[in-house]
Structures are given as C-alpha cells and as structure tokens.
PDB file of N, CA and C in Angstrom:
ATOM      1  N   MET A   1      51.428  -6.174  73.794  1.00  0.00           N
ATOM      2  CA  MET A   1      52.569  -5.722  73.027  1.00  0.00           C
ATOM      3  C   MET A   1      53.263  -4.609  73.801  1.00  0.00           C
ATOM      4  N   PRO A   2      54.536  -4.719  74.083  1.00  0.00           N
ATOM      5  CA  PRO A   2      55.228  -3.683  74.830  1.00  0.00           C
ATOM      6  C   PRO A   2      55.277  -2.380  74.057  1.00  0.00           C
ATOM      7  N   GLY A   3      55.189  -1.288  74.780  1.00  0.00           N
ATOM      8  CA  GLY A   3      55.241   0.016  74.147  1.00  0.00           C
ATOM      9  C   GLY A   3      56.621   0.621  74.245  1.00  0.00           C
ATOM     10  N   THR A   4      56.766   1.724  73.596  1.00  0.00           N
ATOM     11  CA  THR A   4      58.017   2.456  73.687  1.00  0.00           C
ATOM     12  C   THR A   4      58.032   3.191  75.022  1.00  0.00           C
ATOM     13  N   PRO A   5      59.184   3.686  75.453  1.00  0.00           N
ATOM     14  CA  PRO A   5      59.235   4.425  76.713  1.00  0.00           C
ATOM     15  C   PRO A   5      58.266   5.606  76.760  1.00  0.00           C
ATOM     16  N   GLU A   6      57.959   6.206  75.613  1.00  0.00           N
ATOM     17  CA  GLU A   6      57.024   7.335  75.599  1.00  0.00           C
ATOM     18  C   GLU A   6      55.590   6.868  75.848  1.00  0.00           C
ATOM     19  N   GLN A   7      55.305   5.618  75.533  1.00  0.00           N
ATOM     20  CA  GLN A   7      53.944   5.115  75.674  1.00  0.00           C
ATOM     21  C   GLN A   7      53.666   4.551  77.055  1.00  0.00           C
ATOM     22  N   ILE A   8      54.659   4.016  77.721  1.00  0.00           N
ATOM     23  CA  ILE A   8      54.466   3.398  79.023  1.00  0.00           C
ATOM     24  C   ILE A   8      55.375   4.083  80.025  1.00  0.00           C
ATOM     25  N   GLY A   9      54.774   4.615  81.101  1.00  0.00           N
ATOM     26  CA  GLY A   9      55.525   5.339  82.116  1.00  0.00           C
ATOM     27  C   GLY A   9      56.259   4.411  83.054  1.00  0.00           C
ATOM     28  N   ASP A  10      56.992   5.000  83.976  1.00  0.00           N
ATOM     29  CA  ASP A  10      57.768   4.244  84.956  1.00  0.00           C
ATOM     30  C   ASP A  10      56.902   3.325  85.808  1.00  0.00           C
ATOM     31  N   ASP A  11      55.640   3.712  86.011  1.00  0.00           N
ATOM     32  CA  ASP A  11      54.753   2.911  86.845  1.00  0.00           C
ATOM     33  C   ASP A  11      53.971   1.873  86.037  1.00  0.00           C
ATOM     34  N   GLY A  12      54.311   1.707  84.762  1.00  0.00           N
ATOM     35  CA  GLY A  12      53.642   0.721  83.931  1.00  0.00           C
ATOM     36  C   GLY A  12      52.369   1.239  83.281  1.00  0.00           C
ATOM     37  N   MET A  13      52.045   2.502  83.484  1.00  0.00           N
ATOM     38  CA  MET A  13      50.814   3.075  82.936  1.00  0.00           C
ATOM     39  C   MET A  13      51.079   3.600  81.530  1.00  0.00           C
ATOM     40  N   ASP A  14      50.162   3.327  80.617  1.00  0.00           N
ATOM     41  CA  ASP A  14      50.284   3.833  79.253  1.00  0.00           C
ATOM     42  C   ASP A  14      49.486   5.127  79.102  1.00  0.00           C
ATOM     43  N   ALA A  15      49.517   5.710  77.916  1.00  0.00           N
ATOM     44  CA  ALA A  15      48.858   6.997  77.682  1.00  0.00           C
ATOM     45  C   ALA A  15      47.355   6.919  77.920  1.00  0.00           C
ATOM     46  N   ALA A  16      46.718   5.825  77.519  1.00  0.00           N
ATOM     47  CA  ALA A  16      45.270   5.687  77.717  1.00  0.00           C
ATOM     48  C   ALA A  16      44.931   5.623  79.203  1.00  0.00           C
ATOM     49  N   GLY A  17      45.743   4.930  79.975  1.00  0.00           N
ATOM     50  CA  GLY A  17      45.538   4.869  81.418  1.00  0.00           C
ATOM     51  C   GLY A  17      45.755   6.218  82.072  1.00  0.00           C
ATOM     52  N   GLU A  18      46.775   6.944  81.623  1.00  0.00           N
ATOM     53  CA  GLU A  18      47.046   8.287  82.154  1.00  0.00           C
ATOM     54  C   GLU A  18      45.895   9.233  81.851  1.00  0.00           C
ATOM     55  N   GLU A  19      45.358   9.156  80.625  1.00  0.00           N
ATOM     56  CA  GLU A  19      44.233  10.015  80.263  1.00  0.00           C
ATOM     57  C   GLU A  19      43.023   9.704  81.133  1.00  0.00           C
ATOM     58  N   LEU A  20      42.754   8.434  81.364  1.00  0.00           N
ATOM     59  CA  LEU A  20      41.636   8.047  82.217  1.00  0.00           C
ATOM     60  C   LEU A  20      41.861   8.560  83.640  1.00  0.00           C
ATOM     61  N   ALA A  21      43.068   8.426  84.162  1.00  0.00           N
ATOM     62  CA  ALA A  21      43.373   8.934  85.504  1.00  0.00           C
ATOM     63  C   ALA A  21      43.127  10.439  85.582  1.00  0.00           C
ATOM     64  N   ASP A  22      43.510  11.172  84.550  1.00  0.00           N
ATOM     65  CA  ASP A  22      43.270  12.617  84.521  1.00  0.00           C
ATOM     66  C   ASP A  22      41.776  12.926  84.551  1.00  0.00           C
ATOM     67  N   ARG A  23      40.991  12.153  83.802  1.00  0.00           N
ATOM     68  CA  ARG A  23      39.538  12.368  83.768  1.00  0.00           C
ATOM     69  C   ARG A  23      38.918  12.053  85.128  1.00  0.00           C
ATOM     70  N   ILE A  24      39.353  10.978  85.753  1.00  0.00           N
ATOM     71  CA  ILE A  24      38.850  10.611  87.078  1.00  0.00           C
ATOM     72  C   ILE A  24      39.174  11.720  88.072  1.00  0.00           C
ATOM     73  N   ARG A  25      40.414  12.159  88.057  1.00  0.00           N
ATOM     74  CA  ARG A  25      40.864  13.216  88.958  1.00  0.00           C
ATOM     75  C   ARG A  25      40.004  14.469  88.794  1.00  0.00           C
ATOM     76  N   ALA A  26      39.733  14.860  87.556  1.00  0.00           N
ATOM     77  CA  ALA A  26      38.943  16.063  87.283  1.00  0.00           C
ATOM     78  C   ALA A  26      37.496  15.904  87.750  1.00  0.00           C
ATOM     79  N   LEU A  27      36.917  14.741  87.516  1.00  0.00           N
ATOM     80  CA  LEU A  27      35.512  14.535  87.884  1.00  0.00           C
ATOM     81  C   LEU A  27      35.308  14.341  89.380  1.00  0.00           C
ATOM     82  N   LEU A  28      36.294  13.823  90.069  1.00  0.00           N
ATOM     83  CA  LEU A  28      36.147  13.571  91.499  1.00  0.00           C
ATOM     84  C   LEU A  28      36.762  14.634  92.390  1.00  0.00           C
ATOM     85  N   SER A  29      37.406  15.627  91.807  1.00  0.00           N
ATOM     86  CA  SER A  29      38.156  16.588  92.619  1.00  0.00           C
ATOM     87  C   SER A  29      37.284  17.540  93.416  1.00  0.00           C
ATOM     88  N   VAL A  30      36.064  17.784  92.994  1.00  0.00           N
ATOM     89  CA  VAL A  30      35.210  18.763  93.660  1.00  0.00           C
ATOM     90  C   VAL A  30      34.590  18.154  94.916  1.00  0.00           C
ATOM     91  N   GLY A  31      34.941  18.707  96.065  1.00  0.00           N
ATOM     92  CA  GLY A  31      34.326  18.316  97.321  1.00  0.00           C
ATOM     93  C   GLY A  31      34.675  16.923  97.819  1.00  0.00           C
ATOM     94  N   THR A  32      35.686  16.306  97.277  1.00  0.00           N
ATOM     95  CA  THR A  32      36.056  14.955  97.688  1.00  0.00           C
ATOM     96  C   THR A  32      37.527  14.933  98.059  1.00  0.00           C
ATOM     97  N   GLU A  33      37.822  14.337  99.196  1.00  0.00           N
ATOM     98  CA  GLU A  33      39.217  14.179  99.583  1.00  0.00           C
ATOM     99  C   GLU A  33      39.683  12.802  99.149  1.00  0.00           C
ATOM    100  N   LEU A  34      40.299  12.762  98.013  1.00  0.00           N
ATOM    101  CA  LEU A  34      40.779  11.515  97.435  1.00  0.00           C
ATOM    102  C   LEU A  34      42.250  11.321  97.734  1.00  0.00           C
ATOM    103  N   GLU A  35      42.609  10.077  97.831  1.00  0.00           N
ATOM    104  CA  GLU A  35      44.016   9.711  97.907  1.00  0.00           C
ATOM    105  C   GLU A  35      44.313   8.942  96.628  1.00  0.00           C
ATOM    106  N   GLU A  36      45.438   9.234  96.039  1.00  0.00           N
ATOM    107  CA  GLU A  36      45.819   8.558  94.798  1.00  0.00           C
ATOM    108  C   GLU A  36      47.087   7.763  95.052  1.00  0.00           C
ATOM    109  N   ARG A  37      47.044   6.479  94.679  1.00  0.00           N
ATOM    110  CA  ARG A  37      48.207   5.598  94.861  1.00  0.00           C
ATOM    111  C   ARG A  37      48.411   4.744  93.625  1.00  0.00           C
ATOM    112  N   ARG A  38      49.662   4.393  93.399  1.00  0.00           N
ATOM    113  CA  ARG A  38      49.991   3.440  92.341  1.00  0.00           C
ATOM    114  C   ARG A  38      50.043   2.062  92.983  1.00  0.00           C
ATOM    115  N   MET A  39      49.189   1.164  92.512  1.00  0.00           N
ATOM    116  CA  MET A  39      49.108  -0.175  93.083  1.00  0.00           C
ATOM    117  C   MET A  39      48.927  -1.197  91.974  1.00  0.00           C
ATOM    118  N   PHE A  40      49.793  -2.188  91.922  1.00  0.00           N
ATOM    119  CA  PHE A  40      49.630  -3.318  91.014  1.00  0.00           C
ATOM    120  C   PHE A  40      49.410  -2.884  89.561  1.00  0.00           C
ATOM    121  N   GLY A  41      50.131  -1.885  89.110  1.00  0.00           N
ATOM    122  CA  GLY A  41      49.997  -1.423  87.738  1.00  0.00           C
ATOM    123  C   GLY A  41      48.743  -0.605  87.488  1.00  0.00           C
ATOM    124  N   THR A  42      48.075  -0.199  88.549  1.00  0.00           N
ATOM    125  CA  THR A  42      46.847   0.583  88.461  1.00  0.00           C
ATOM    126  C   THR A  42      47.048   1.898  89.200  1.00  0.00           C
ATOM    127  N   ARG A  43      46.512   2.972  88.677  1.00  0.00           N
ATOM    128  CA  ARG A  43      46.478   4.244  89.399  1.00  0.00           C
ATOM    129  C   ARG A  43      45.178   4.220  90.189  1.00  0.00           C
ATOM    130  N   ALA A  44      45.257   3.904  91.475  1.00  0.00           N
ATOM    131  CA  ALA A  44      44.078   3.727  92.319  1.00  0.00           C
ATOM    132  C   ALA A  44      43.690   5.033  92.998  1.00  0.00           C
ATOM    133  N   PHE A  45      42.385   5.255  93.097  1.00  0.00           N
ATOM    134  CA  PHE A  45      41.830   6.409  93.780  1.00  0.00           C
ATOM    135  C   PHE A  45      41.069   5.887  94.989  1.00  0.00           C
ATOM    136  N   LEU A  46      41.502   6.324  96.173  1.00  0.00           N
ATOM    137  CA  LEU A  46      40.942   5.825  97.421  1.00  0.00           C
ATOM    138  C   LEU A  46      40.133   6.914  98.113  1.00  0.00           C
ATOM    139  N   LEU A  47      39.065   6.497  98.747  1.00  0.00           N
ATOM    140  CA  LEU A  47      38.228   7.369  99.543  1.00  0.00           C
ATOM    141  C   LEU A  47      38.054   6.699 100.889  1.00  0.00           C
ATOM    142  N   ASP A  48      38.365   7.405 101.950  1.00  0.00           N
ATOM    143  CA  ASP A  48      38.298   6.834 103.299  1.00  0.00           C
ATOM    144  C   ASP A  48      39.147   5.577 103.425  1.00  0.00           C
ATOM    145  N   GLY A  49      40.290   5.559 102.735  1.00  0.00           N
ATOM    146  CA  GLY A  49      41.223   4.443 102.829  1.00  0.00           C
ATOM    147  C   GLY A  49      40.858   3.216 102.020  1.00  0.00           C
ATOM    148  N   ARG A  50      39.773   3.271 101.256  1.00  0.00           N
ATOM    149  CA  ARG A  50      39.346   2.129 100.440  1.00  0.00           C
ATOM    150  C   ARG A  50      39.388   2.490  98.960  1.00  0.00           C
ATOM    151  N   ILE A  51      39.806   1.524  98.149  1.00  0.00           N
ATOM    152  CA  ILE A  51      39.846   1.765  96.704  1.00  0.00           C
ATOM    153  C   ILE A  51      38.429   2.020  96.205  1.00  0.00           C
ATOM    154  N   LEU A  52      38.287   3.111  95.489  1.00  0.00           N
ATOM    155  CA  LEU A  52      37.031   3.484  94.868  1.00  0.00           C
ATOM    156  C   LEU A  52      37.045   3.019  93.415  1.00  0.00           C
ATOM    157  N   VAL A  53      38.006   3.520  92.664  1.00  0.00           N
ATOM    158  CA  VAL A  53      38.197   3.160  91.262  1.00  0.00           C
ATOM    159  C   VAL A  53      39.689   3.180  90.964  1.00  0.00           C
ATOM    160  N   GLY A  54      40.028   2.672  89.791  1.00  0.00           N
ATOM    161  CA  GLY A  54      41.408   2.722  89.346  1.00  0.00           C
ATOM    162  C   GLY A  54      41.475   2.873  87.838  1.00  0.00           C
ATOM    163  N   ALA A  55      42.523   3.535  87.388  1.00  0.00           N
ATOM    164  CA  ALA A  55      42.803   3.650  85.959  1.00  0.00           C
ATOM    165  C   ALA A  55      43.859   2.603  85.637  1.00  0.00           C
ATOM    166  N   ARG A  56      43.545   1.748  84.666  1.00  0.00           N
ATOM    167  CA  ARG A  56      44.446   0.663  84.305  1.00  0.00           C
ATOM    168  C   ARG A  56      44.990   0.880  82.899  1.00  0.00           C
ATOM    169  N   ARG A  57      46.006   0.103  82.562  1.00  0.00           N
ATOM    170  CA  ARG A  57      46.578   0.178  81.207  1.00  0.00           C
ATOM    171  C   ARG A  57      45.488  -0.027  80.176  1.00  0.00           C
ATOM    172  N   GLY A  58      45.636   0.668  79.074  1.00  0.00           N
ATOM    173  CA  GLY A  58      44.670   0.554  77.995  1.00  0.00           C
ATOM    174  C   GLY A  58      43.416   1.377  78.213  1.00  0.00           C
ATOM    175  N   GLY A  59      43.372   2.145  79.310  1.00  0.00           N
ATOM    176  CA  GLY A  59      42.196   2.970  79.580  1.00  0.00           C
ATOM    177  C   GLY A  59      41.047   2.205  80.206  1.00  0.00           C
ATOM    178  N   VAL A  60      41.346   1.036  80.770  1.00  0.00           N
ATOM    179  CA  VAL A  60      40.323   0.239  81.446  1.00  0.00           C
ATOM    180  C   VAL A  60      40.094   0.827  82.832  1.00  0.00           C
ATOM    181  N   LEU A  61      38.820   0.952  83.213  1.00  0.00           N
ATOM    182  CA  LEU A  61      38.453   1.464  84.526  1.00  0.00           C
ATOM    183  C   LEU A  61      38.198   0.297  85.467  1.00  0.00           C
ATOM    184  N   LEU A  62      38.887   0.270  86.583  1.00  0.00           N
ATOM    185  CA  LEU A  62      38.649  -0.700  87.646  1.00  0.00           C
ATOM    186  C   LEU A  62      37.678  -0.058  88.621  1.00  0.00           C
ATOM    187  N   VAL A  63      36.582  -0.754  88.932  1.00  0.00           N
ATOM    188  CA  VAL A  63      35.547  -0.208  89.813  1.00  0.00           C
ATOM    189  C   VAL A  63      35.305  -1.181  90.954  1.00  0.00           C
ATOM    190  N   ARG A  64      35.221  -0.636  92.175  1.00  0.00           N
ATOM    191  CA  ARG A  64      34.886  -1.462  93.335  1.00  0.00           C
ATOM    192  C   ARG A  64      33.474  -1.105  93.796  1.00  0.00           C
ATOM    193  N   VAL A  65      32.610  -2.106  93.821  1.00  0.00           N
ATOM    194  CA  VAL A  65      31.234  -1.953  94.276  1.00  0.00           C
ATOM    195  C   VAL A  65      30.913  -3.117  95.210  1.00  0.00           C
ATOM    196  N   SER A  66      29.716  -3.136  95.744  1.00  0.00           N
ATOM    197  CA  SER A  66      29.310  -4.265  96.577  1.00  0.00           C
ATOM    198  C   SER A  66      29.153  -5.507  95.699  1.00  0.00           C
ATOM    199  N   ASP A  67      29.226  -6.684  96.323  1.00  0.00           N
ATOM    200  CA  ASP A  67      29.040  -7.929  95.570  1.00  0.00           C
ATOM    201  C   ASP A  67      27.697  -7.926  94.848  1.00  0.00           C
ATOM    202  N   GLU A  68      26.659  -7.475  95.531  1.00  0.00           N
ATOM    203  CA  GLU A  68      25.314  -7.455  94.941  1.00  0.00           C
ATOM    204  C   GLU A  68      25.247  -6.544  93.724  1.00  0.00           C
ATOM    205  N   ASN A  69      25.749  -5.323  93.871  1.00  0.00           N
ATOM    206  CA  ASN A  69      25.745  -4.394  92.736  1.00  0.00           C
ATOM    207  C   ASN A  69      26.668  -4.861  91.618  1.00  0.00           C
ATOM    208  N   GLY A  70      27.782  -5.475  91.985  1.00  0.00           N
ATOM    209  CA  GLY A  70      28.695  -5.990  90.969  1.00  0.00           C
ATOM    210  C   GLY A  70      28.021  -7.011  90.080  1.00  0.00           C
ATOM    211  N   ALA A  71      27.268  -7.921  90.683  1.00  0.00           N
ATOM    212  CA  ALA A  71      26.555  -8.943  89.906  1.00  0.00           C
ATOM    213  C   ALA A  71      25.540  -8.290  88.974  1.00  0.00           C
ATOM    214  N   ALA A  72      24.844  -7.266  89.456  1.00  0.00           N
ATOM    215  CA  ALA A  72      23.845  -6.579  88.630  1.00  0.00           C
ATOM    216  C   ALA A  72      24.497  -5.777  87.505  1.00  0.00           C
ATOM    217  N   LEU A  73      25.654  -5.169  87.774  1.00  0.00           N
ATOM    218  CA  LEU A  73      26.318  -4.320  86.780  1.00  0.00           C
ATOM    219  C   LEU A  73      27.060  -5.115  85.710  1.00  0.00           C
ATOM    220  N   LEU A  74      27.311  -6.384  85.975  1.00  0.00           N
ATOM    221  CA  LEU A  74      28.020  -7.218  84.985  1.00  0.00           C
ATOM    222  C   LEU A  74      27.260  -7.368  83.671  1.00  0.00           C
ATOM    223  N   VAL A  75      25.975  -7.088  83.659  1.00  0.00           N
ATOM    224  CA  VAL A  75      25.190  -7.226  82.429  1.00  0.00           C
ATOM    225  C   VAL A  75      25.361  -6.024  81.506  1.00  0.00           C
ATOM    226  N   ARG A  76      25.962  -4.954  82.000  1.00  0.00           N
ATOM    227  CA  ARG A  76      26.150  -3.768  81.166  1.00  0.00           C
ATOM    228  C   ARG A  76      27.234  -4.025  80.116  1.00  0.00           C
ATOM    229  N   PRO A  77      27.091  -3.431  78.939  1.00  0.00           N
ATOM    230  CA  PRO A  77      28.093  -3.620  77.880  1.00  0.00           C
ATOM    231  C   PRO A  77      29.480  -3.157  78.316  1.00  0.00           C
ATOM    232  N   GLY A  78      30.490  -3.954  77.989  1.00  0.00           N
ATOM    233  CA  GLY A  78      31.877  -3.592  78.262  1.00  0.00           C
ATOM    234  C   GLY A  78      32.341  -3.878  79.673  1.00  0.00           C
ATOM    235  N   VAL A  79      31.542  -4.606  80.458  1.00  0.00           N
ATOM    236  CA  VAL A  79      31.885  -4.861  81.860  1.00  0.00           C
ATOM    237  C   VAL A  79      32.211  -6.335  82.058  1.00  0.00           C
ATOM    238  N   THR A  80      33.325  -6.592  82.731  1.00  0.00           N
ATOM    239  CA  THR A  80      33.722  -7.954  83.076  1.00  0.00           C
ATOM    240  C   THR A  80      34.211  -7.963  84.522  1.00  0.00           C
ATOM    241  N   THR A  81      34.247  -9.145  85.116  1.00  0.00           N
ATOM    242  CA  THR A  81      34.860  -9.277  86.431  1.00  0.00           C
ATOM    243  C   THR A  81      36.347  -9.004  86.265  1.00  0.00           C
ATOM    244  N   ALA A  82      36.886  -8.177  87.122  1.00  0.00           N
ATOM    245  CA  ALA A  82      38.294  -7.791  87.013  1.00  0.00           C
ATOM    246  C   ALA A  82      39.201  -8.994  87.247  1.00  0.00           C
ATOM    247  N   ALA A  83      40.351  -8.952  86.617  1.00  0.00           N
ATOM    248  CA  ALA A  83      41.373  -9.985  86.798  1.00  0.00           C
ATOM    249  C   ALA A  83      42.686  -9.309  87.155  1.00  0.00           C
ATOM    250  N   MET A  84      43.425  -9.956  88.023  1.00  0.00           N
ATOM    251  CA  MET A  84      44.757  -9.500  88.395  1.00  0.00           C
ATOM    252  C   MET A  84      45.701 -10.616  87.977  1.00  0.00           C
ATOM    253  N   GLY A  85      46.340 -10.442  86.839  1.00  0.00           N
ATOM    254  CA  GLY A  85      47.145 -11.523  86.274  1.00  0.00           C
ATOM    255  C   GLY A  85      46.220 -12.646  85.864  1.00  0.00           C
ATOM    256  N   ALA A  86      46.505 -13.858  86.332  1.00  0.00           N
ATOM    257  CA  ALA A  86      45.674 -15.013  85.986  1.00  0.00           C
ATOM    258  C   ALA A  86      44.505 -15.184  86.950  1.00  0.00           C
ATOM    259  N   LYS A  87      44.472 -14.407  88.021  1.00  0.00           N
ATOM    260  CA  LYS A  87      43.445 -14.564  89.055  1.00  0.00           C
ATOM    261  C   LYS A  87      42.263 -13.636  88.789  1.00  0.00           C
ATOM    262  N   THR A  88      41.062 -14.218  88.741  1.00  0.00           N
ATOM    263  CA  THR A  88      39.849 -13.425  88.630  1.00  0.00           C
ATOM    264  C   THR A  88      39.470 -12.945  90.021  1.00  0.00           C
ATOM    265  N   MET A  89      39.174 -11.668  90.116  1.00  0.00           N
ATOM    266  CA  MET A  89      38.809 -11.092  91.403  1.00  0.00           C
ATOM    267  C   MET A  89      37.319 -11.347  91.649  1.00  0.00           C
ATOM    268  N   GLY A  90      36.825 -11.037  92.816  1.00  0.00           N
ATOM    269  CA  GLY A  90      35.432 -11.290  93.155  1.00  0.00           C
ATOM    270  C   GLY A  90      34.470 -10.381  92.416  1.00  0.00           C
ATOM    271  N   PRO A  91      33.161 -10.601  92.614  1.00  0.00           N
ATOM    272  CA  PRO A  91      32.140  -9.841  91.889  1.00  0.00           C
ATOM    273  C   PRO A  91      32.080  -8.365  92.259  1.00  0.00           C
ATOM    274  N   SER A  92      32.792  -7.972  93.302  1.00  0.00           N
ATOM    275  CA  SER A  92      32.784  -6.557  93.666  1.00  0.00           C
ATOM    276  C   SER A  92      33.852  -5.758  92.922  1.00  0.00           C
ATOM    277  N   TRP A  93      34.656  -6.430  92.123  1.00  0.00           N
ATOM    278  CA  TRP A  93      35.715  -5.770  91.349  1.00  0.00           C
ATOM    279  C   TRP A  93      35.401  -5.933  89.864  1.00  0.00           C
ATOM    280  N   LEU A  94      35.174  -4.814  89.187  1.00  0.00           N
ATOM    281  CA  LEU A  94      34.787  -4.838  87.778  1.00  0.00           C
ATOM    282  C   LEU A  94      35.801  -4.089  86.923  1.00  0.00           C
ATOM    283  N   ASP A  95      36.045  -4.620  85.736  1.00  0.00           N
ATOM    284  CA  ASP A  95      36.795  -3.908  84.705  1.00  0.00           C
ATOM    285  C   ASP A  95      35.776  -3.369  83.710  1.00  0.00           C
ATOM    286  N   VAL A  96      35.877  -2.088  83.418  1.00  0.00           N
ATOM    287  CA  VAL A  96      34.968  -1.442  82.473  1.00  0.00           C
ATOM    288  C   VAL A  96      35.797  -1.007  81.271  1.00  0.00           C
ATOM    289  N   ALA A  97      35.410  -1.485  80.100  1.00  0.00           N
ATOM    290  CA  ALA A  97      36.148  -1.216  78.861  1.00  0.00           C
ATOM    291  C   ALA A  97      36.159   0.274  78.542  1.00  0.00           C
ATOM    292  N   PRO A  98      37.221   0.733  77.881  1.00  0.00           N
ATOM    293  CA  PRO A  98      37.306   2.150  77.512  1.00  0.00           C
ATOM    294  C   PRO A  98      36.090   2.636  76.718  1.00  0.00           C
ATOM    295  N   SER A  99      35.537   1.792  75.869  1.00  0.00           N
ATOM    296  CA  SER A  99      34.369   2.197  75.074  1.00  0.00           C
ATOM    297  C   SER A  99      33.153   2.483  75.952  1.00  0.00           C
ATOM    298  N   ALA A 100      33.097   1.886  77.145  1.00  0.00           N
ATOM    299  CA  ALA A 100      31.958   2.076  78.046  1.00  0.00           C
ATOM    300  C   ALA A 100      32.117   3.315  78.940  1.00  0.00           C
ATOM    301  N   VAL A 101      33.294   3.959  78.880  1.00  0.00           N
ATOM    302  CA  VAL A 101      33.520   5.182  79.654  1.00  0.00           C
ATOM    303  C   VAL A 101      34.082   6.294  78.764  1.00  0.00           C
ATOM    304  N   ALA A 102      33.744   6.219  77.480  1.00  0.00           N
ATOM    305  CA  ALA A 102      34.290   7.176  76.515  1.00  0.00           C
ATOM    306  C   ALA A 102      33.795   8.600  76.777  1.00  0.00           C
ATOM    307  N   GLU A 103      32.560   8.727  77.240  1.00  0.00           N
ATOM    308  CA  GLU A 103      31.989  10.040  77.539  1.00  0.00           C
ATOM    309  C   GLU A 103      32.043  10.281  79.039  1.00  0.00           C
ATOM    310  N   ASP A 104      32.174  11.547  79.438  1.00  0.00           N
ATOM    311  CA  ASP A 104      32.246  11.857  80.863  1.00  0.00           C
ATOM    312  C   ASP A 104      30.998  11.417  81.623  1.00  0.00           C
ATOM    313  N   ASP A 105      29.820  11.496  80.993  1.00  0.00           N
ATOM    314  CA  ASP A 105      28.588  11.042  81.653  1.00  0.00           C
ATOM    315  C   ASP A 105      28.661   9.548  81.958  1.00  0.00           C
ATOM    316  N   ASP A 106      29.231   8.771  81.036  1.00  0.00           N
ATOM    317  CA  ASP A 106      29.376   7.327  81.251  1.00  0.00           C
ATOM    318  C   ASP A 106      30.362   7.060  82.388  1.00  0.00           C
ATOM    319  N   LEU A 107      31.481   7.767  82.384  1.00  0.00           N
ATOM    320  CA  LEU A 107      32.461   7.610  83.444  1.00  0.00           C
ATOM    321  C   LEU A 107      31.850   8.014  84.786  1.00  0.00           C
ATOM    322  N   MET A 108      31.072   9.088  84.800  1.00  0.00           N
ATOM    323  CA  MET A 108      30.455   9.560  86.040  1.00  0.00           C
ATOM    324  C   MET A 108      29.486   8.520  86.609  1.00  0.00           C
ATOM    325  N   PHE A 109      28.789   7.784  85.739  1.00  0.00           N
ATOM    326  CA  PHE A 109      27.910   6.708  86.209  1.00  0.00           C
ATOM    327  C   PHE A 109      28.694   5.735  87.090  1.00  0.00           C
ATOM    328  N   TRP A 110      29.857   5.324  86.616  1.00  0.00           N
ATOM    329  CA  TRP A 110      30.680   4.352  87.339  1.00  0.00           C
ATOM    330  C   TRP A 110      31.290   4.957  88.597  1.00  0.00           C
ATOM    331  N   LEU A 111      31.701   6.207  88.528  1.00  0.00           N
ATOM    332  CA  LEU A 111      32.251   6.866  89.715  1.00  0.00           C
ATOM    333  C   LEU A 111      31.171   6.982  90.797  1.00  0.00           C
ATOM    334  N   ASP A 112      29.957   7.323  90.388  1.00  0.00           N
ATOM    335  CA  ASP A 112      28.851   7.422  91.344  1.00  0.00           C
ATOM    336  C   ASP A 112      28.517   6.065  91.952  1.00  0.00           C
ATOM    337  N   ALA A 113      28.503   5.012  91.130  1.00  0.00           N
ATOM    338  CA  ALA A 113      28.220   3.659  91.636  1.00  0.00           C
ATOM    339  C   ALA A 113      29.261   3.266  92.681  1.00  0.00           C
ATOM    340  N   ALA A 114      30.511   3.557  92.414  1.00  0.00           N
ATOM    341  CA  ALA A 114      31.575   3.214  93.360  1.00  0.00           C
ATOM    342  C   ALA A 114      31.451   4.046  94.635  1.00  0.00           C
ATOM    343  N   ARG A 115      31.142   5.331  94.503  1.00  0.00           N
ATOM    344  CA  ARG A 115      30.998   6.205  95.685  1.00  0.00           C
ATOM    345  C   ARG A 115      29.835   5.760  96.570  1.00  0.00           C
ATOM    346  N   GLU A 116      28.714   5.413  95.937  1.00  0.00           N
ATOM    347  CA  GLU A 116      27.539   4.982  96.710  1.00  0.00           C
ATOM    348  C   GLU A 116      27.861   3.742  97.535  1.00  0.00           C
ATOM    349  N   ASP A 117      28.526   2.774  96.917  1.00  0.00           N
ATOM    350  CA  ASP A 117      28.862   1.551  97.655  1.00  0.00           C
ATOM    351  C   ASP A 117      29.949   1.813  98.697  1.00  0.00           C
ATOM    352  N   ASN A 118      30.864   2.730  98.403  1.00  0.00           N
ATOM    353  CA  ASN A 118      31.897   3.085  99.374  1.00  0.00           C
ATOM    354  C   ASN A 118      31.251   3.728 100.598  1.00  0.00           C
ATOM    355  N   ALA A 119      30.274   4.603 100.376  1.00  0.00           N
ATOM    356  CA  ALA A 119      29.588   5.271 101.484  1.00  0.00           C
ATOM    357  C   ALA A 119      28.828   4.263 102.349  1.00  0.00           C
ATOM    358  N   ALA A 120      28.277   3.219 101.724  1.00  0.00           N
ATOM    359  CA  ALA A 120      27.539   2.198 102.467  1.00  0.00           C
ATOM    360  C   ALA A 120      28.468   1.398 103.384  1.00  0.00           C
ATOM    361  N   LEU A 121      29.754   1.325 103.028  1.00  0.00           N
ATOM    362  CA  LEU A 121      30.721   0.589 103.837  1.00  0.00           C
ATOM    363  C   LEU A 121      31.190   1.394 105.048  1.00  0.00           C
ATOM    364  N   SER A 122      30.936   2.705 105.034  1.00  0.00           N
ATOM    365  CA  SER A 122      31.409   3.572 106.127  1.00  0.00           C
ATOM    366  C   SER A 122      30.601   3.371 107.391  1.00  0.00           C
TER     367      SER A 122
END
C-alpha cells in the first residue's frame, strides 16, 4: 500500500526502514569504517566494499552471510531467503522480519553474523 510523502522518503524508504537504519548505524559506528549507500530501495551498509546488511522498507533487515551460514540461519524465526522483486536471491542473502530484530541484542546477533562472514571473505 503506498504511503503518504511523510511515510516514504525520496529514496523509497519508509519510517520503519529509516528507524532500522538509525539502529544499525548506532550499533556499528564504534570502531568500524562503514560506507552507507542507497541501493535498490535498500539503505545498504558496506564494509570493505561489500554489503554487510541493509535496512529495507517495513523495517526488514537484509543480511549477507556465507551460503553455508545462510542455510543454517534460515531455520530461525522470521528469516527467509531475500527477494529482489520477483527474483529470489541466493542462500547468502537473508531477509529478517522486524519482529526478529525488535531488540538491540537481536539486531546485534545479525550484525555480528554478517561481520564474521564478511571478515572471512577478506
């Protein structure tokens, strides 16, 4: 359902996505050199030039992990393989429902999982 101009920003992000981006920024800002970009309707946070996580419309968290970890993490509540339009992305791209990242400790779990796999790619 389309929102009013106050609900959806110029980049297609709604208030829930903006709030999630703010939380990600606050939790990852200490000791990390992050790059933030708007990509495909997502506020993406990159580390070493690779997408770590993203804040999506509706407060959905996009997480990039290894294929192996992605398959294991899919069993957690509120986690699905990410989709971009009609295309389902691979097992290393996960969408995490807002209810699964409602608390900062829950969000930090996902940020840590993404950082660990990002470090393994370096």
